[in-house]
Amino acid sequence: MDTTSRYRDAARQRMRDAIVDAARELTVARGWDAVRMADVAARVGVSRQTVYNEFGSKAALAGALAEAETERFVAGVREALYAHDDMRDAAYAAIFQVLDQAADNPLIKAIVTSARGGADPLLPYLTTRAEHVLVAAAAVLQQWVADRIPDLPADAVAFGAESIIRLVVSHIVMPLAPVDQTANALADLAIRFIADPVTPAPRERH
């Protein structure tokens, strides 16, 4: 790739990032339902057609926005896990950080507000349609466990990591107790998964 092509690609990526950042700001301020592609374009200083050229639809922009938010969460999980030598302390720190940030995160609040009766909720991108959330977060957990206890069966670690991530996401969406209590309980579960991993049964073929 020549210098001109690299410059063009870098400039396009900066514009895409700016569009996602603008969508995030508008979502926090108004809720996802009220975000219009024209308003996103105006905030970035490009045409509405440019936004559509880059993302194709509002749904695709929602996916990009959710992915960017996921990357922030996953980076925080990774940092919290590797900041502690004790595995239980690390699990608690990572889970607490995710739950605490979700409770305080204005975008998450905007998403949840939008989901309460809105016609075009963003929430599914962090839950039922958010395979990238589970895959990315579970990959960090799997690597962390593998670094600490390399002899554990990989499929059992993968199953445990995904199960913990699903539980954490469910408590983000519907919190049942104060963050510290939930983080303590989930950290205990995480350590049980690690200490006594469960290998998932193979799926039956029909």
Protein backbone atom coordinates (compact mmCIF):
# COMPACT_ATOMS: atom_id res chain seq x y z
CA MET A 1 0.00 0.00 0.00
CA ASP A 2 1.45 3.37 -1.02
CA THR A 3 1.63 6.48 1.15
CA THR A 4 -1.40 8.10 -0.49
CA SER A 5 -3.57 5.03 0.14
CA ARG A 6 -2.44 4.82 3.77
CA TYR A 7 -3.19 8.49 4.30
CA ARG A 8 -6.63 8.10 2.71
CA ASP A 9 -7.45 5.06 4.84
CA ALA A 10 -6.29 6.79 8.00
CA ALA A 11 -8.37 9.86 7.20
CA ARG A 12 -11.43 7.73 6.57
CA GLN A 13 -10.94 5.89 9.87
CA ARG A 14 -10.68 9.20 11.72
CA MET A 15 -13.95 10.30 10.14
CA ARG A 16 -15.68 7.03 11.09
CA ASP A 17 -14.42 7.40 14.66
CA ALA A 18 -15.70 11.00 14.73
CA ILE A 19 -19.13 9.85 13.52
CA VAL A 20 -19.32 7.18 16.23
CA ASP A 21 -18.20 9.70 18.88
CA ALA A 22 -20.88 12.14 17.71
CA ALA A 23 -23.52 9.42 17.84
CA ARG A 24 -22.41 8.59 21.38
CA GLU A 25 -22.67 12.22 22.50
CA LEU A 26 -26.14 12.60 20.98
CA THR A 27 -27.31 9.31 22.50
CA VAL A 28 -26.19 10.43 25.95
CA ALA A 29 -27.93 13.78 25.51
CA ARG A 30 -31.17 12.62 23.88
CA GLY A 31 -31.52 8.86 23.93
CA TRP A 32 -31.01 6.66 20.87
CA ASP A 33 -34.57 7.06 19.59
CA ALA A 34 -34.04 10.79 19.12
CA VAL A 35 -30.71 10.49 17.30
CA ARG A 36 -31.02 11.36 13.59
CA MET A 37 -28.34 10.67 11.02
CA ALA A 38 -28.58 14.30 9.88
CA ASP A 39 -27.78 15.50 13.41
CA VAL A 40 -24.81 13.16 13.61
CA ALA A 41 -23.55 14.50 10.29
CA ALA A 42 -23.98 18.11 11.40
CA ARG A 43 -22.03 17.51 14.58
CA VAL A 44 -19.13 16.00 12.64
CA GLY A 45 -19.30 18.61 9.88
CA VAL A 46 -20.01 16.24 7.01
CA SER A 47 -23.05 15.59 4.86
CA ARG A 48 -25.84 13.23 5.84
CA GLN A 49 -25.03 11.19 2.73
CA THR A 50 -21.44 10.78 3.95
CA VAL A 51 -22.70 9.19 7.16
CA TYR A 52 -24.90 6.83 5.15
CA ASN A 53 -22.03 6.04 2.80
CA GLU A 54 -19.89 4.99 5.75
CA PHE A 55 -22.45 3.06 7.80
CA GLY A 56 -25.36 2.34 5.47
CA SER A 57 -28.10 2.64 8.07
CA LYS A 58 -28.86 3.80 11.59
CA ALA A 59 -28.85 0.15 12.70
CA ALA A 60 -25.30 -0.26 11.40
CA LEU A 61 -24.24 2.89 13.24
CA ALA A 62 -25.82 1.46 16.40
CA GLY A 63 -23.70 -1.64 15.95
CA ALA A 64 -20.54 0.45 15.58
CA LEU A 65 -21.46 2.50 18.63
CA ALA A 66 -22.09 -0.62 20.71
CA GLU A 67 -18.80 -2.11 19.51
CA ALA A 68 -16.86 1.00 20.52
CA GLU A 69 -18.49 0.95 23.96
CA THR A 70 -17.70 -2.75 24.27
CA GLU A 71 -14.04 -2.07 23.56
CA ARG A 72 -13.97 0.41 26.43
CA PHE A 73 -15.47 -2.15 28.78
CA VAL A 74 -13.19 -4.95 27.63
CA ALA A 75 -10.11 -2.77 28.08
CA GLY A 76 -11.23 -2.02 31.64
CA VAL A 77 -11.80 -5.71 32.36
CA ARG A 78 -8.34 -6.60 31.09
CA GLU A 79 -6.67 -3.88 33.14
CA ALA A 80 -8.52 -4.86 36.33
CA LEU A 81 -7.79 -8.57 35.96
CA TYR A 82 -4.07 -8.16 35.42
CA ALA A 83 -3.69 -5.57 38.20
CA HIS A 84 -4.09 -8.23 40.92
CA ASP A 85 -2.05 -11.30 41.77
CA ASP A 86 -4.81 -12.96 43.78
CA MET A 87 -7.35 -14.46 41.39
CA ARG A 88 -10.36 -13.80 43.58
CA ASP A 89 -9.33 -10.17 44.07
CA ALA A 90 -8.84 -9.84 40.33
CA ALA A 91 -12.25 -11.33 39.54
CA TYR A 92 -13.94 -9.03 42.06
CA ALA A 93 -12.11 -5.95 40.74
CA ALA A 94 -13.02 -6.68 37.12
CA ILE A 95 -16.67 -7.47 37.85
CA PHE A 96 -17.05 -4.50 40.20
CA GLN A 97 -15.55 -2.16 37.61
CA VAL A 98 -17.93 -3.32 34.89
CA LEU A 99 -21.02 -3.10 37.12
CA ASP A 100 -19.96 0.22 38.61
CA GLN A 101 -19.19 1.77 35.23
CA ALA A 102 -22.47 0.50 33.83
CA ALA A 103 -24.34 2.13 36.71
CA ASP A 104 -22.51 5.40 36.13
CA ASN A 105 -22.00 5.28 32.38
CA PRO A 106 -24.23 7.91 30.72
CA LEU A 107 -24.41 5.93 27.48
CA ILE A 108 -25.61 2.81 29.26
CA LYS A 109 -28.19 4.92 31.08
CA ALA A 110 -29.30 6.40 27.76
CA ILE A 111 -29.55 2.92 26.25
CA VAL A 112 -31.67 1.59 29.12
CA THR A 113 -33.89 4.67 29.00
CA SER A 114 -34.31 4.25 25.25
CA ALA A 115 -35.27 0.61 25.72
CA ARG A 116 -38.20 1.47 27.98
CA GLY A 117 -40.83 1.68 25.29
CA GLY A 118 -38.73 3.19 22.51
CA ALA A 119 -39.38 2.09 18.97
CA ASP A 120 -35.72 1.74 18.01
CA PRO A 121 -33.86 0.64 21.17
CA LEU A 122 -30.09 0.31 21.23
CA LEU A 123 -30.15 -2.07 24.20
CA PRO A 124 -30.28 -5.31 22.14
CA TYR A 125 -26.82 -4.56 20.77
CA LEU A 126 -25.49 -5.01 24.33
CA THR A 127 -27.65 -8.06 25.12
CA THR A 128 -29.41 -10.49 22.81
CA ARG A 129 -27.70 -9.33 19.60
CA ALA A 130 -24.34 -8.61 21.18
CA GLU A 131 -22.28 -11.65 20.25
CA HIS A 132 -19.23 -9.39 20.00
CA VAL A 133 -19.68 -8.38 23.67
CA LEU A 134 -19.62 -11.98 24.84
CA VAL A 135 -16.85 -13.05 22.51
CA ALA A 136 -14.53 -10.14 23.32
CA ALA A 137 -15.02 -10.20 27.09
CA ALA A 138 -14.89 -13.99 27.29
CA ALA A 139 -11.64 -14.02 25.30
CA VAL A 140 -10.03 -11.72 27.88
CA LEU A 141 -11.19 -13.95 30.74
CA GLN A 142 -10.02 -17.11 28.97
CA GLN A 143 -6.57 -15.64 28.36
CA TRP A 144 -6.31 -14.45 31.97
CA VAL A 145 -7.23 -17.91 33.33
CA ALA A 146 -4.87 -19.61 30.86
CA ASP A 147 -2.04 -17.34 32.01
CA ARG A 148 -2.71 -18.24 35.66
CA ILE A 149 -3.63 -21.93 35.36
CA PRO A 150 -2.44 -23.16 31.95
CA ASP A 151 -3.36 -26.82 32.55
CA LEU A 152 -7.12 -26.31 32.70
CA PRO A 153 -9.15 -27.76 29.79
CA ALA A 154 -9.69 -25.01 27.22
CA ASP A 155 -13.33 -25.93 26.50
CA ALA A 156 -14.20 -25.86 30.21
CA VAL A 157 -12.52 -22.48 30.65
CA ALA A 158 -14.37 -21.13 27.61
CA PHE A 159 -17.71 -22.35 28.97
CA GLY A 160 -17.04 -20.85 32.41
CA ALA A 161 -15.89 -17.52 31.00
CA GLU A 162 -18.94 -17.13 28.78
CA SER A 163 -21.27 -18.11 31.62
CA ILE A 164 -19.77 -15.48 33.94
CA ILE A 165 -19.96 -12.82 31.23
CA ARG A 166 -23.63 -13.62 30.62
CA LEU A 167 -24.35 -13.28 34.33
CA VAL A 168 -22.55 -9.94 34.52
CA VAL A 169 -24.44 -8.60 31.50
CA SER A 170 -27.74 -9.71 33.03
CA HIS A 171 -26.95 -7.77 36.21
CA ILE A 172 -26.10 -4.70 34.15
CA VAL A 173 -29.51 -4.84 32.51
CA MET A 174 -31.47 -5.76 35.67
CA PRO A 175 -29.47 -5.04 38.85
CA LEU A 176 -30.80 -6.93 41.88
CA ALA A 177 -28.49 -5.67 44.63
CA PRO A 178 -25.83 -3.03 45.33
CA VAL A 179 -22.81 -3.28 43.06
CA ASP A 180 -20.39 -4.48 45.75
CA GLN A 181 -22.72 -7.30 46.83
CA THR A 182 -23.29 -8.45 43.28
CA ALA A 183 -19.57 -8.25 42.47
CA ASN A 184 -18.74 -10.33 45.55
CA ALA A 185 -21.27 -13.01 44.67
CA LEU A 186 -20.22 -13.18 41.02
CA ALA A 187 -16.53 -13.22 41.95
CA ASP A 188 -17.19 -16.28 44.14
CA LEU A 189 -18.96 -17.95 41.24
CA ALA A 190 -16.12 -17.10 38.89
CA ILE A 191 -13.55 -18.69 41.20
CA ARG A 192 -15.72 -21.81 41.50
CA PHE A 193 -15.80 -22.08 37.72
CA ILE A 194 -12.02 -21.77 37.68
CA ALA A 195 -11.34 -24.14 40.59
CA ASP A 196 -13.79 -26.80 39.38
CA PRO A 197 -14.39 -26.17 35.68
CA VAL A 198 -17.37 -27.74 33.98
CA THR A 199 -16.95 -29.18 30.51
CA PRO A 200 -20.12 -28.53 28.48
CA ALA A 201 -21.91 -31.60 27.14
CA PRO A 202 -21.75 -32.01 23.36
CA ARG A 203 -24.85 -30.97 21.49
CA GLU A 204 -27.11 -33.74 20.30
CA ARG A 205 -27.32 -34.19 16.57
CA HIS A 206 -30.77 -34.51 15.05
